[in-house]
N, C-alpha and C. Protein backbone atom coordinates (compact mmCIF):
# COMPACT_ATOMS: atom_id res chain seq x y z
N UNK A 1 -2.76 13.37 -13.74
CA UNK A 1 -3.30 13.48 -12.40
C UNK A 1 -2.13 13.54 -11.43
N UNK A 2 -2.16 14.48 -10.53
CA UNK A 2 -1.11 14.60 -9.53
C UNK A 2 -1.52 13.86 -8.27
N UNK A 3 -0.59 13.09 -7.73
CA UNK A 3 -0.84 12.33 -6.50
C UNK A 3 0.29 12.61 -5.52
N UNK A 4 -0.01 12.46 -4.24
CA UNK A 4 0.96 12.74 -3.19
C UNK A 4 1.18 11.50 -2.35
N UNK A 5 2.43 11.14 -2.12
CA UNK A 5 2.77 9.98 -1.31
C UNK A 5 2.37 10.25 0.15
N UNK A 6 1.80 9.26 0.80
CA UNK A 6 1.35 9.46 2.18
C UNK A 6 2.49 9.45 3.18
N UNK A 7 3.64 8.90 2.80
CA UNK A 7 4.76 8.82 3.72
C UNK A 7 5.75 9.97 3.59
N UNK A 8 6.17 10.26 2.35
CA UNK A 8 7.22 11.26 2.17
C UNK A 8 6.71 12.58 1.58
N UNK A 9 5.43 12.69 1.31
CA UNK A 9 4.79 13.90 0.76
C UNK A 9 5.37 14.33 -0.58
N UNK A 10 5.90 13.39 -1.34
CA UNK A 10 6.42 13.69 -2.67
C UNK A 10 5.26 13.68 -3.66
N UNK A 11 5.18 14.71 -4.51
CA UNK A 11 4.12 14.82 -5.49
C UNK A 11 4.61 14.21 -6.80
N UNK A 12 3.81 13.31 -7.37
CA UNK A 12 4.16 12.66 -8.62
C UNK A 12 3.00 12.77 -9.59
N UNK A 13 3.31 12.60 -10.85
CA UNK A 13 2.31 12.65 -11.92
C UNK A 13 1.95 11.21 -12.33
N UNK A 14 0.66 10.91 -12.33
CA UNK A 14 0.16 9.60 -12.76
C UNK A 14 -0.71 9.83 -13.99
N UNK A 15 -0.58 8.97 -14.97
CA UNK A 15 -1.35 9.11 -16.21
C UNK A 15 -2.84 9.02 -15.91
N UNK A 16 -3.60 9.92 -16.50
CA UNK A 16 -5.05 10.02 -16.25
C UNK A 16 -5.80 8.73 -16.59
N UNK A 17 -5.35 8.02 -17.60
CA UNK A 17 -6.08 6.84 -18.06
C UNK A 17 -5.60 5.55 -17.43
N UNK A 18 -4.66 5.62 -16.49
CA UNK A 18 -4.14 4.41 -15.88
C UNK A 18 -5.13 3.81 -14.89
N UNK A 19 -4.95 2.55 -14.61
CA UNK A 19 -5.82 1.86 -13.66
C UNK A 19 -5.66 2.43 -12.25
N UNK A 20 -4.44 2.80 -11.88
CA UNK A 20 -4.19 3.38 -10.56
C UNK A 20 -4.94 4.70 -10.40
N UNK A 21 -4.93 5.54 -11.41
CA UNK A 21 -5.65 6.82 -11.34
C UNK A 21 -7.15 6.58 -11.18
N UNK A 22 -7.66 5.60 -11.90
CA UNK A 22 -9.09 5.29 -11.79
C UNK A 22 -9.44 4.82 -10.38
N UNK A 23 -8.59 3.96 -9.80
CA UNK A 23 -8.84 3.47 -8.44
C UNK A 23 -8.79 4.61 -7.44
N UNK A 24 -7.84 5.53 -7.60
CA UNK A 24 -7.72 6.65 -6.67
C UNK A 24 -8.92 7.59 -6.78
N UNK A 25 -9.43 7.79 -7.97
CA UNK A 25 -10.61 8.65 -8.14
C UNK A 25 -11.86 7.99 -7.60
N UNK A 26 -11.99 6.70 -7.83
CA UNK A 26 -13.21 5.98 -7.46
C UNK A 26 -13.30 5.77 -5.94
N UNK A 27 -12.21 5.36 -5.33
CA UNK A 27 -12.19 5.08 -3.89
C UNK A 27 -11.35 6.14 -3.19
N UNK A 28 -11.97 7.05 -2.55
CA UNK A 28 -11.26 8.16 -1.90
C UNK A 28 -10.42 7.70 -0.71
N UNK A 29 -10.74 6.55 -0.14
CA UNK A 29 -10.01 6.06 1.01
C UNK A 29 -8.66 5.48 0.59
N UNK A 30 -8.57 4.99 -0.65
CA UNK A 30 -7.33 4.39 -1.13
C UNK A 30 -6.22 5.44 -1.16
N UNK A 31 -5.06 5.09 -0.65
CA UNK A 31 -3.94 6.02 -0.58
C UNK A 31 -2.85 5.63 -1.56
N UNK A 32 -1.97 6.58 -1.85
CA UNK A 32 -0.91 6.37 -2.82
C UNK A 32 0.44 6.38 -2.11
N UNK A 33 1.31 5.44 -2.47
CA UNK A 33 2.70 5.42 -2.00
C UNK A 33 3.61 5.44 -3.21
N UNK A 34 4.65 6.26 -3.16
CA UNK A 34 5.59 6.32 -4.27
C UNK A 34 6.42 5.03 -4.31
N UNK A 35 7.11 4.82 -5.43
CA UNK A 35 7.86 3.58 -5.62
C UNK A 35 8.99 3.43 -4.61
N UNK A 36 9.65 4.52 -4.24
CA UNK A 36 10.76 4.42 -3.29
C UNK A 36 10.26 4.00 -1.91
N UNK A 37 9.14 4.56 -1.47
CA UNK A 37 8.59 4.18 -0.16
C UNK A 37 8.08 2.74 -0.19
N UNK A 38 7.44 2.35 -1.27
CA UNK A 38 6.93 0.98 -1.40
C UNK A 38 8.08 -0.02 -1.39
N UNK A 39 9.17 0.29 -2.11
CA UNK A 39 10.33 -0.60 -2.13
C UNK A 39 10.97 -0.70 -0.75
N UNK A 40 11.06 0.44 -0.05
CA UNK A 40 11.65 0.45 1.29
C UNK A 40 10.83 -0.40 2.26
N UNK A 41 9.51 -0.29 2.20
CA UNK A 41 8.65 -1.07 3.09
C UNK A 41 8.72 -2.55 2.74
N UNK A 42 8.74 -2.87 1.45
CA UNK A 42 8.87 -4.27 1.02
C UNK A 42 10.18 -4.88 1.52
N UNK A 43 11.26 -4.13 1.41
CA UNK A 43 12.57 -4.62 1.85
C UNK A 43 12.59 -4.88 3.35
N UNK A 44 12.06 -3.93 4.13
CA UNK A 44 12.04 -4.10 5.58
C UNK A 44 11.13 -5.25 6.01
N UNK A 45 10.03 -5.44 5.30
CA UNK A 45 9.13 -6.55 5.61
C UNK A 45 9.80 -7.88 5.35
N UNK A 46 10.51 -7.98 4.23
CA UNK A 46 11.24 -9.21 3.92
C UNK A 46 12.32 -9.49 4.95
N UNK A 47 12.98 -8.45 5.45
CA UNK A 47 14.00 -8.64 6.49
C UNK A 47 13.36 -9.17 7.77
N UNK A 48 12.19 -8.61 8.14
CA UNK A 48 11.51 -9.09 9.34
C UNK A 48 11.03 -10.52 9.17
N UNK A 49 10.57 -10.86 7.98
CA UNK A 49 10.15 -12.24 7.72
C UNK A 49 11.32 -13.20 7.85
N UNK A 50 12.48 -12.79 7.37
CA UNK A 50 13.66 -13.65 7.44
C UNK A 50 14.12 -13.84 8.89
N UNK A 51 13.96 -12.81 9.72
CA UNK A 51 14.37 -12.91 11.12
C UNK A 51 13.35 -13.64 11.99
N UNK A 52 12.14 -13.74 11.50
CA UNK A 52 11.09 -14.40 12.27
C UNK A 52 10.39 -13.46 13.24
N UNK A 53 10.58 -12.15 13.08
CA UNK A 53 9.96 -11.18 13.98
C UNK A 53 8.72 -10.54 13.37
N UNK A 54 8.19 -11.15 12.33
CA UNK A 54 7.02 -10.60 11.66
C UNK A 54 5.79 -11.35 12.13
N UNK A 55 4.78 -10.61 12.54
CA UNK A 55 3.56 -11.23 13.03
C UNK A 55 2.36 -10.53 12.40
N UNK A 56 1.46 -11.29 11.81
CA UNK A 56 0.26 -10.72 11.23
C UNK A 56 -0.84 -10.76 12.27
N UNK A 57 -1.48 -9.64 12.45
CA UNK A 57 -2.59 -9.55 13.40
C UNK A 57 -3.89 -9.52 12.62
N UNK A 58 -4.36 -10.68 12.23
CA UNK A 58 -5.62 -10.78 11.53
C UNK A 58 -6.62 -11.50 12.41
N UNK A 59 -7.84 -11.03 12.35
CA UNK A 59 -8.89 -11.62 13.16
C UNK A 59 -9.26 -12.98 12.58
N UNK A 60 -9.32 -13.97 13.43
CA UNK A 60 -9.70 -15.31 12.99
C UNK A 60 -11.21 -15.39 12.86
N UNK A 61 -11.65 -16.04 11.81
CA UNK A 61 -13.08 -16.18 11.58
C UNK A 61 -13.65 -17.22 12.54
N UNK A 62 -14.74 -16.87 13.18
CA UNK A 62 -15.35 -17.76 14.15
C UNK A 62 -16.44 -18.63 13.53
N UNK A 63 -17.12 -18.10 12.53
CA UNK A 63 -18.21 -18.82 11.88
C UNK A 63 -17.65 -19.52 10.64
N UNK A 64 -17.76 -20.85 10.56
CA UNK A 64 -17.19 -21.56 9.41
C UNK A 64 -17.91 -21.27 8.09
N UNK A 65 -19.09 -20.66 8.15
CA UNK A 65 -19.85 -20.39 6.94
C UNK A 65 -19.59 -18.99 6.37
N UNK A 66 -18.74 -18.23 7.00
CA UNK A 66 -18.43 -16.87 6.50
C UNK A 66 -17.21 -16.93 5.63
């Protein structure tokens, strides 16, 4: 199965029987990132965490039963 990275538009081959290929076929919204882009984002995120400039914008749950 051929997949395309959403950041660098690099086309890669993924094994048809792999779990990633199944997820990509099943959920069309799920996107693929190549290993180099994923490593680059992970590295930059860790740098921001170390500097203290990383902020998560997650909605706080208002109902305690949810």
